[in-house]
Structures are given as C-alpha cells and as structure tokens.
PDB file of N, CA and C in Angstrom:
ATOM      1  N   MET A   1      21.668  65.532  70.793  1.00  0.00           N
ATOM      2  CA  MET A   1      22.704  66.070  71.602  1.00  0.00           C
ATOM      3  C   MET A   1      22.069  67.038  72.644  1.00  0.00           C
ATOM      4  N   TYR A   2      21.219  67.933  72.109  1.00  0.00           N
ATOM      5  CA  TYR A   2      20.589  68.948  73.059  1.00  0.00           C
ATOM      6  C   TYR A   2      19.658  68.240  74.087  1.00  0.00           C
ATOM      7  N   LYS A   3      19.021  67.137  73.662  1.00  0.00           N
ATOM      8  CA  LYS A   3      18.208  66.406  74.518  1.00  0.00           C
ATOM      9  C   LYS A   3      18.939  65.923  75.724  1.00  0.00           C
ATOM     10  N   TYR A   4      20.156  65.449  75.551  1.00  0.00           N
ATOM     11  CA  TYR A   4      20.947  64.935  76.585  1.00  0.00           C
ATOM     12  C   TYR A   4      21.441  66.077  77.496  1.00  0.00           C
ATOM     13  N   ILE A   5      21.766  67.211  76.900  1.00  0.00           N
ATOM     14  CA  ILE A   5      22.175  68.371  77.719  1.00  0.00           C
ATOM     15  C   ILE A   5      21.081  68.813  78.617  1.00  0.00           C
ATOM     16  N   LEU A   6      19.850  68.874  78.074  1.00  0.00           N
ATOM     17  CA  LEU A   6      18.690  69.313  78.839  1.00  0.00           C
ATOM     18  C   LEU A   6      18.314  68.337  79.899  1.00  0.00           C
ATOM     19  N   GLU A   7      18.513  67.015  79.662  1.00  0.00           N
ATOM     20  CA  GLU A   7      18.235  66.006  80.651  1.00  0.00           C
ATOM     21  C   GLU A   7      19.296  66.102  81.802  1.00  0.00           C
ATOM     22  N   ALA A   8      20.490  66.458  81.416  1.00  0.00           N
ATOM     23  CA  ALA A   8      21.527  66.512  82.496  1.00  0.00           C
ATOM     24  C   ALA A   8      21.363  67.805  83.305  1.00  0.00           C
ATOM     25  N   ALA A   9      20.671  68.807  82.726  1.00  0.00           N
ATOM     26  CA  ALA A   9      20.488  70.044  83.509  1.00  0.00           C
ATOM     27  C   ALA A   9      19.487  69.867  84.635  1.00  0.00           C
ATOM     28  N   GLY A  10      18.712  68.874  84.567  1.00  0.00           N
ATOM     29  CA  GLY A  10      17.727  68.601  85.607  1.00  0.00           C
ATOM     30  C   GLY A  10      16.378  69.123  85.201  1.00  0.00           C
ATOM     31  N   ASN A  11      15.534  69.445  86.199  1.00  0.00           N
ATOM     32  CA  ASN A  11      14.199  69.949  85.960  1.00  0.00           C
ATOM     33  C   ASN A  11      14.305  71.395  85.620  1.00  0.00           C
ATOM     34  N   ILE A  12      13.974  71.789  84.391  1.00  0.00           N
ATOM     35  CA  ILE A  12      14.066  73.183  83.987  1.00  0.00           C
ATOM     36  C   ILE A  12      12.650  73.787  83.739  1.00  0.00           C
ATOM     37  N   ASN A  13      11.639  73.229  84.398  1.00  0.00           N
ATOM     38  CA  ASN A  13      10.298  73.811  84.299  1.00  0.00           C
ATOM     39  C   ASN A  13      10.196  75.207  84.948  1.00  0.00           C
ATOM     40  N   TRP A  14      11.128  75.518  85.875  1.00  0.00           N
ATOM     41  CA  TRP A  14      11.087  76.774  86.514  1.00  0.00           C
ATOM     42  C   TRP A  14      11.409  77.890  85.505  1.00  0.00           C
ATOM     43  N   MET A  15      12.167  77.546  84.438  1.00  0.00           N
ATOM     44  CA  MET A  15      12.428  78.582  83.432  1.00  0.00           C
ATOM     45  C   MET A  15      11.217  78.961  82.665  1.00  0.00           C
ATOM     46  N   ALA A  16      10.400  77.986  82.342  1.00  0.00           N
ATOM     47  CA  ALA A  16       9.155  78.272  81.672  1.00  0.00           C
ATOM     48  C   ALA A  16       8.165  79.051  82.503  1.00  0.00           C
ATOM     49  N   VAL A  17       8.112  78.767  83.762  1.00  0.00           N
ATOM     50  CA  VAL A  17       7.248  79.424  84.720  1.00  0.00           C
ATOM     51  C   VAL A  17       7.724  80.880  84.843  1.00  0.00           C
ATOM     52  N   MET A  18       8.973  81.096  85.035  1.00  0.00           N
ATOM     53  CA  MET A  18       9.537  82.432  85.183  1.00  0.00           C
ATOM     54  C   MET A  18       9.347  83.306  83.948  1.00  0.00           C
ATOM     55  N   SER A  19       9.476  82.723  82.812  1.00  0.00           N
ATOM     56  CA  SER A  19       9.240  83.477  81.538  1.00  0.00           C
ATOM     57  C   SER A  19       7.756  83.857  81.437  1.00  0.00           C
ATOM     58  N   LEU A  20       6.893  82.986  81.781  1.00  0.00           N
ATOM     59  CA  LEU A  20       5.503  83.242  81.747  1.00  0.00           C
ATOM     60  C   LEU A  20       5.082  84.319  82.747  1.00  0.00           C
ATOM     61  N   ILE A  21       5.604  84.301  83.901  1.00  0.00           N
ATOM     62  CA  ILE A  21       5.375  85.295  84.946  1.00  0.00           C
ATOM     63  C   ILE A  21       5.913  86.629  84.502  1.00  0.00           C
ATOM     64  N   THR A  22       7.090  86.704  83.972  1.00  0.00           N
ATOM     65  CA  THR A  22       7.673  87.940  83.443  1.00  0.00           C
ATOM     66  C   THR A  22       6.860  88.550  82.338  1.00  0.00           C
ATOM     67  N   PHE A  23       6.474  87.737  81.315  1.00  0.00           N
ATOM     68  CA  PHE A  23       5.616  88.222  80.240  1.00  0.00           C
ATOM     69  C   PHE A  23       4.323  88.737  80.743  1.00  0.00           C
ATOM     70  N   MET A  24       3.663  88.012  81.659  1.00  0.00           N
ATOM     71  CA  MET A  24       2.341  88.471  82.142  1.00  0.00           C
ATOM     72  C   MET A  24       2.490  89.735  82.947  1.00  0.00           C
ATOM     73  N   SER A  25       3.476  89.853  83.772  1.00  0.00           N
ATOM     74  CA  SER A  25       3.688  91.141  84.569  1.00  0.00           C
ATOM     75  C   SER A  25       3.946  92.315  83.671  1.00  0.00           C
ATOM     76  N   VAL A  26       4.764  92.172  82.684  1.00  0.00           N
ATOM     77  CA  VAL A  26       5.000  93.284  81.765  1.00  0.00           C
ATOM     78  C   VAL A  26       3.765  93.619  81.020  1.00  0.00           C
ATOM     79  N   PHE A  27       3.028  92.609  80.521  1.00  0.00           N
ATOM     80  CA  PHE A  27       1.694  92.886  79.846  1.00  0.00           C
ATOM     81  C   PHE A  27       0.692  93.606  80.688  1.00  0.00           C
ATOM     82  N   LEU A  28       0.567  93.132  81.895  1.00  0.00           N
ATOM     83  CA  LEU A  28      -0.420  93.731  82.819  1.00  0.00           C
ATOM     84  C   LEU A  28      -0.020  95.114  83.158  1.00  0.00           C
ATOM     85  N   ILE A  29       1.218  95.344  83.505  1.00  0.00           N
ATOM     86  CA  ILE A  29       1.638  96.695  83.835  1.00  0.00           C
ATOM     87  C   ILE A  29       1.478  97.658  82.679  1.00  0.00           C
ATOM     88  N   SER A  30       1.774  97.243  81.516  1.00  0.00           N
ATOM     89  CA  SER A  30       1.596  98.163  80.331  1.00  0.00           C
ATOM     90  C   SER A  30       0.146  98.403  80.078  1.00  0.00           C
ATOM     91  N   ALA A  31      -0.722  97.342  80.202  1.00  0.00           N
ATOM     92  CA  ALA A  31      -2.140  97.564  80.059  1.00  0.00           C
ATOM     93  C   ALA A  31      -2.704  98.507  81.085  1.00  0.00           C
ATOM     94  N   LEU A  32      -2.297  98.389  82.312  1.00  0.00           N
ATOM     95  CA  LEU A  32      -2.812  99.279  83.358  1.00  0.00           C
ATOM     96  C   LEU A  32      -2.356 100.755  83.102  1.00  0.00           C
ATOM     97  N   LEU A  33      -1.130 100.916  82.683  1.00  0.00           N
ATOM     98  CA  LEU A  33      -0.645 102.219  82.331  1.00  0.00           C
ATOM     99  C   LEU A  33      -1.368 102.937  81.198  1.00  0.00           C
ATOM    100  N   ILE A  34      -1.698 102.162  80.212  1.00  0.00           N
ATOM    101  CA  ILE A  34      -2.454 102.664  79.065  1.00  0.00           C
ATOM    102  C   ILE A  34      -3.847 103.001  79.431  1.00  0.00           C
ATOM    103  N   LEU A  35      -4.526 102.161  80.304  1.00  0.00           N
ATOM    104  CA  LEU A  35      -5.873 102.451  80.737  1.00  0.00           C
ATOM    105  C   LEU A  35      -5.947 103.650  81.688  1.00  0.00           C
ATOM    106  N   LYS A  36      -4.858 103.963  82.355  1.00  0.00           N
ATOM    107  CA  LYS A  36      -4.860 105.092  83.269  1.00  0.00           C
ATOM    108  C   LYS A  36      -4.596 106.418  82.569  1.00  0.00           C
ATOM    109  N   LYS A  37      -4.062 106.378  81.331  1.00  0.00           N
ATOM    110  CA  LYS A  37      -3.828 107.625  80.612  1.00  0.00           C
ATOM    111  C   LYS A  37      -5.130 108.411  80.420  1.00  0.00           C
ATOM    112  N   ASP A  38      -4.898 109.762  80.309  1.00  0.00           N
ATOM    113  CA  ASP A  38      -6.003 110.661  80.087  1.00  0.00           C
ATOM    114  C   ASP A  38      -6.480 110.523  78.658  1.00  0.00           C
ATOM    115  N   LYS A  39      -7.780 110.430  78.384  1.00  0.00           N
ATOM    116  CA  LYS A  39      -8.287 110.250  77.084  1.00  0.00           C
ATOM    117  C   LYS A  39      -8.022 111.440  76.185  1.00  0.00           C
ATOM    118  N   ARG A  40      -7.920 112.659  76.729  1.00  0.00           N
ATOM    119  CA  ARG A  40      -7.589 113.776  75.886  1.00  0.00           C
ATOM    120  C   ARG A  40      -6.152 113.706  75.409  1.00  0.00           C
ATOM    121  N   HIS A  41      -5.284 113.228  76.294  1.00  0.00           N
ATOM    122  CA  HIS A  41      -3.842 113.022  75.867  1.00  0.00           C
ATOM    123  C   HIS A  41      -3.734 111.971  74.730  1.00  0.00           C
ATOM    124  N   ILE A  42      -4.446 110.895  74.833  1.00  0.00           N
ATOM    125  CA  ILE A  42      -4.378 109.877  73.859  1.00  0.00           C
ATOM    126  C   ILE A  42      -4.936 110.382  72.494  1.00  0.00           C
ATOM    127  N   SER A  43      -6.044 111.172  72.573  1.00  0.00           N
ATOM    128  CA  SER A  43      -6.617 111.714  71.391  1.00  0.00           C
ATOM    129  C   SER A  43      -5.690 112.701  70.739  1.00  0.00           C
ATOM    130  N   HIS A  44      -5.031 113.549  71.558  1.00  0.00           N
ATOM    131  CA  HIS A  44      -4.099 114.511  70.999  1.00  0.00           C
ATOM    132  C   HIS A  44      -2.888 113.826  70.320  1.00  0.00           C
ATOM    133  N   MET A  45      -2.370 112.846  70.995  1.00  0.00           N
ATOM    134  CA  MET A  45      -1.209 112.129  70.412  1.00  0.00           C
ATOM    135  C   MET A  45      -1.602 111.355  69.142  1.00  0.00           C
ATOM    136  N   SER A  46      -2.814 110.836  68.970  1.00  0.00           N
ATOM    137  CA  SER A  46      -3.254 110.168  67.818  1.00  0.00           C
ATOM    138  C   SER A  46      -3.437 111.132  66.650  1.00  0.00           C
ATOM    139  N   GLN A  47      -3.728 112.392  66.915  1.00  0.00           N
ATOM    140  CA  GLN A  47      -3.955 113.403  65.849  1.00  0.00           C
ATOM    141  C   GLN A  47      -2.731 114.127  65.480  1.00  0.00           C
ATOM    142  N   MET A  48      -1.614 113.953  66.239  1.00  0.00           N
ATOM    143  CA  MET A  48      -0.420 114.718  65.924  1.00  0.00           C
ATOM    144  C   MET A  48       0.134 114.497  64.518  1.00  0.00           C
ATOM    145  N   PRO A  49       0.180 113.256  64.030  1.00  0.00           N
ATOM    146  CA  PRO A  49       0.777 113.070  62.651  1.00  0.00           C
ATOM    147  C   PRO A  49      -0.105 113.628  61.583  1.00  0.00           C
ATOM    148  N   LEU A  50      -1.357 113.912  61.910  1.00  0.00           N
ATOM    149  CA  LEU A  50      -2.251 114.396  60.865  1.00  0.00           C
ATOM    150  C   LEU A  50      -2.381 115.857  60.848  1.00  0.00           C
ATOM    151  N   GLU A  51      -1.891 116.544  61.867  1.00  0.00           N
ATOM    152  CA  GLU A  51      -1.981 118.019  61.962  1.00  0.00           C
ATOM    153  C   GLU A  51      -1.053 118.630  60.878  1.00  0.00           C
ATOM    154  N   ASN A  52      -1.538 119.725  60.374  1.00  0.00           N
ATOM    155  CA  ASN A  52      -0.697 120.479  59.417  1.00  0.00           C
ATOM    156  C   ASN A  52      -0.103 121.673  60.117  1.00  0.00           C
ATOM    157  N   ASP A  53       1.005 121.535  60.743  1.00  0.00           N
ATOM    158  CA  ASP A  53       1.677 122.513  61.587  1.00  0.00           C
ATOM    159  C   ASP A  53       2.955 122.919  60.831  1.00  0.00           C
ATOM    160  N   SER A  54       2.933 124.203  60.264  1.00  0.00           N
ATOM    161  CA  SER A  54       4.086 124.688  59.538  1.00  0.00           C
ATOM    162  C   SER A  54       5.144 125.332  60.392  1.00  0.00           C
ATOM    163  N   SER A  55       4.917 125.474  61.697  1.00  0.00           N
ATOM    164  CA  SER A  55       5.863 126.129  62.607  1.00  0.00           C
ATOM    165  C   SER A  55       7.017 125.232  62.861  1.00  0.00           C
ATOM    166  N   ASN A  56       6.968 123.933  62.613  1.00  0.00           N
ATOM    167  CA  ASN A  56       8.094 123.045  62.848  1.00  0.00           C
ATOM    168  C   ASN A  56       9.160 123.129  61.785  1.00  0.00           C
ATOM    169  N   PHE A  57       8.851 123.751  60.632  1.00  0.00           N
ATOM    170  CA  PHE A  57       9.813 123.760  59.507  1.00  0.00           C
ATOM    171  C   PHE A  57      10.621 124.994  59.555  1.00  0.00           C
TER     172      PHE A  57
END
C-alpha cells in the first residue's frame, strides 16, 4: 500500500537530498563552533564535575 502511495507522490528524491543537506549543514556548523572555542574554556568545563567546591551547598 505504501509503495503505491509513494509512486503516486511522484519523484521524492528531493526529500532525501534536503535531509542530507540539512544534516550536513548542522554537523558542519556545530563542528566549526566547537573548533573555534577557547581551549581554556573547554578544559575548565571538562574539569567542573570533578572539582570539589563546597560553596555551592
């Protein structure tokens, strides 16, 4: 049944192309933002869960 619905919808290859473009753009933007972050900030954020800070309680 779904096969006939998809055949009646026509050429839907543009949906696959648009989803690939969307995924790649989100991936590339997030990778660029991560690479542009300051290394000290990343190091500080990675050590936060391990710090023993009693001032928060």
